[in-house]
Amino acid sequence: MPELYNFLMERLALYHNLEYDSGEDKNPRLIFYNENDEEVKVVPVKKMKADEISSLLDSLGFYKRSQKGEEVPEEFKHFPLNAPRDEL
């Protein structure tokens, strides 16, 4: 899973409202929750390339900082804005 490792080391910190749980799961996946903390979507990422994971997050409206440590603008602080609320 070198691509997943690459994403975690190089890109994860750029995304706002994205967390990583380092459990011993052999089938890593992205789990999306709605505003009520209910699971609404699961995407397996074991075979995805780092660019594919980034593209998925971008398409769902996750705010991506241009560099680590950059402040997130106030209008982007609440979950992905491009995603319909009933889906994410």
Protein backbone atom coordinates (compact mmCIF):
# COMPACT_ATOMS: atom_id res chain seq x y z
CA MET A 1 0.00 0.00 0.00
CA PRO A 2 2.76 2.46 -0.85
CA GLU A 3 0.28 4.81 -2.58
CA LEU A 4 -1.88 5.04 0.55
CA TYR A 5 1.22 5.62 2.66
CA ASN A 6 2.29 8.38 0.24
CA PHE A 7 -1.12 10.04 0.57
CA LEU A 8 -1.04 9.83 4.36
CA MET A 9 2.48 11.24 4.64
CA GLU A 10 2.31 13.92 1.95
CA ARG A 11 -1.30 15.00 1.49
CA LEU A 12 -3.54 14.13 4.44
CA ALA A 13 -2.58 17.23 6.43
CA LEU A 14 -3.59 19.46 3.50
CA TYR A 15 -7.27 18.47 3.76
CA HIS A 16 -9.63 20.05 6.26
CA ASN A 17 -12.14 17.88 8.17
CA LEU A 18 -10.34 14.67 7.32
CA GLU A 19 -8.99 12.35 9.99
CA TYR A 20 -6.95 9.16 9.87
CA ASP A 21 -7.49 6.25 12.25
CA SER A 22 -4.41 4.04 12.31
CA GLY A 23 -6.25 0.88 13.32
CA GLU A 24 -4.91 -2.46 12.18
CA ASP A 25 -7.47 -2.71 9.38
CA LYS A 26 -6.15 -4.61 6.35
CA ASN A 27 -8.86 -3.03 4.20
CA PRO A 28 -8.32 0.72 4.58
CA ARG A 29 -11.25 2.88 3.59
CA LEU A 30 -12.57 6.39 3.71
CA ILE A 31 -15.69 6.69 5.81
CA PHE A 32 -17.87 9.75 5.32
CA TYR A 33 -20.26 10.96 7.98
CA ASN A 34 -23.10 13.45 7.85
CA GLU A 35 -23.60 16.30 10.31
CA ASN A 36 -25.28 13.86 12.74
CA ASP A 37 -22.19 11.59 12.76
CA GLU A 38 -24.07 8.93 10.79
CA GLU A 39 -22.05 6.91 8.28
CA VAL A 40 -23.27 7.72 4.78
CA LYS A 41 -20.58 6.45 2.43
CA VAL A 42 -17.60 4.07 2.54
CA VAL A 43 -14.90 4.01 -0.12
CA PRO A 44 -12.16 1.32 -0.10
CA VAL A 45 -8.77 2.94 -0.73
CA LYS A 46 -6.37 -0.03 -0.56
CA LYS A 47 -5.89 -0.14 -4.35
CA MET A 48 -6.27 3.58 -5.04
CA LYS A 49 -3.39 5.80 -6.06
CA ALA A 50 -2.65 8.95 -4.05
CA ASP A 51 -3.87 11.10 -6.95
CA GLU A 52 -7.14 9.16 -7.09
CA ILE A 53 -7.76 9.70 -3.38
CA SER A 54 -7.02 13.42 -3.76
CA SER A 55 -9.33 13.67 -6.78
CA LEU A 56 -12.13 11.96 -4.87
CA LEU A 57 -11.79 14.33 -1.91
CA ASP A 58 -11.61 17.34 -4.23
CA SER A 59 -14.75 16.22 -6.07
CA LEU A 60 -16.59 15.88 -2.75
CA GLY A 61 -15.71 19.44 -1.80
CA PHE A 62 -13.10 18.94 0.90
CA TYR A 63 -11.09 22.12 1.42
CA LYS A 64 -7.44 21.59 0.49
CA ARG A 65 -4.78 23.90 1.89
CA SER A 66 -2.00 25.01 -0.42
CA GLN A 67 0.55 24.11 2.27
CA LYS A 68 0.60 22.37 5.65
CA GLY A 69 -0.30 24.63 8.54
CA GLU A 70 -2.21 27.13 6.42
CA GLU A 71 -5.31 28.55 8.15
CA VAL A 72 -8.67 27.40 6.78
CA PRO A 73 -10.92 30.30 5.72
CA GLU A 74 -14.02 30.68 7.92
CA GLU A 75 -16.42 29.88 5.06
CA PHE A 76 -14.77 26.45 4.60
CA LYS A 77 -14.63 25.36 8.25
CA HIS A 78 -17.80 23.26 8.11
CA PHE A 79 -17.42 20.02 6.17
CA PRO A 80 -17.37 19.76 2.38
CA LEU A 81 -19.43 22.51 0.82
CA ASN A 82 -19.87 20.98 -2.65
CA ALA A 83 -21.46 17.78 -1.30
CA PRO A 84 -25.23 17.63 -0.94
CA ARG A 85 -26.08 17.52 2.76
CA ASP A 86 -28.21 14.40 2.39
CA GLU A 87 -25.26 12.48 0.93
CA LEU A 88 -22.43 13.78 3.10
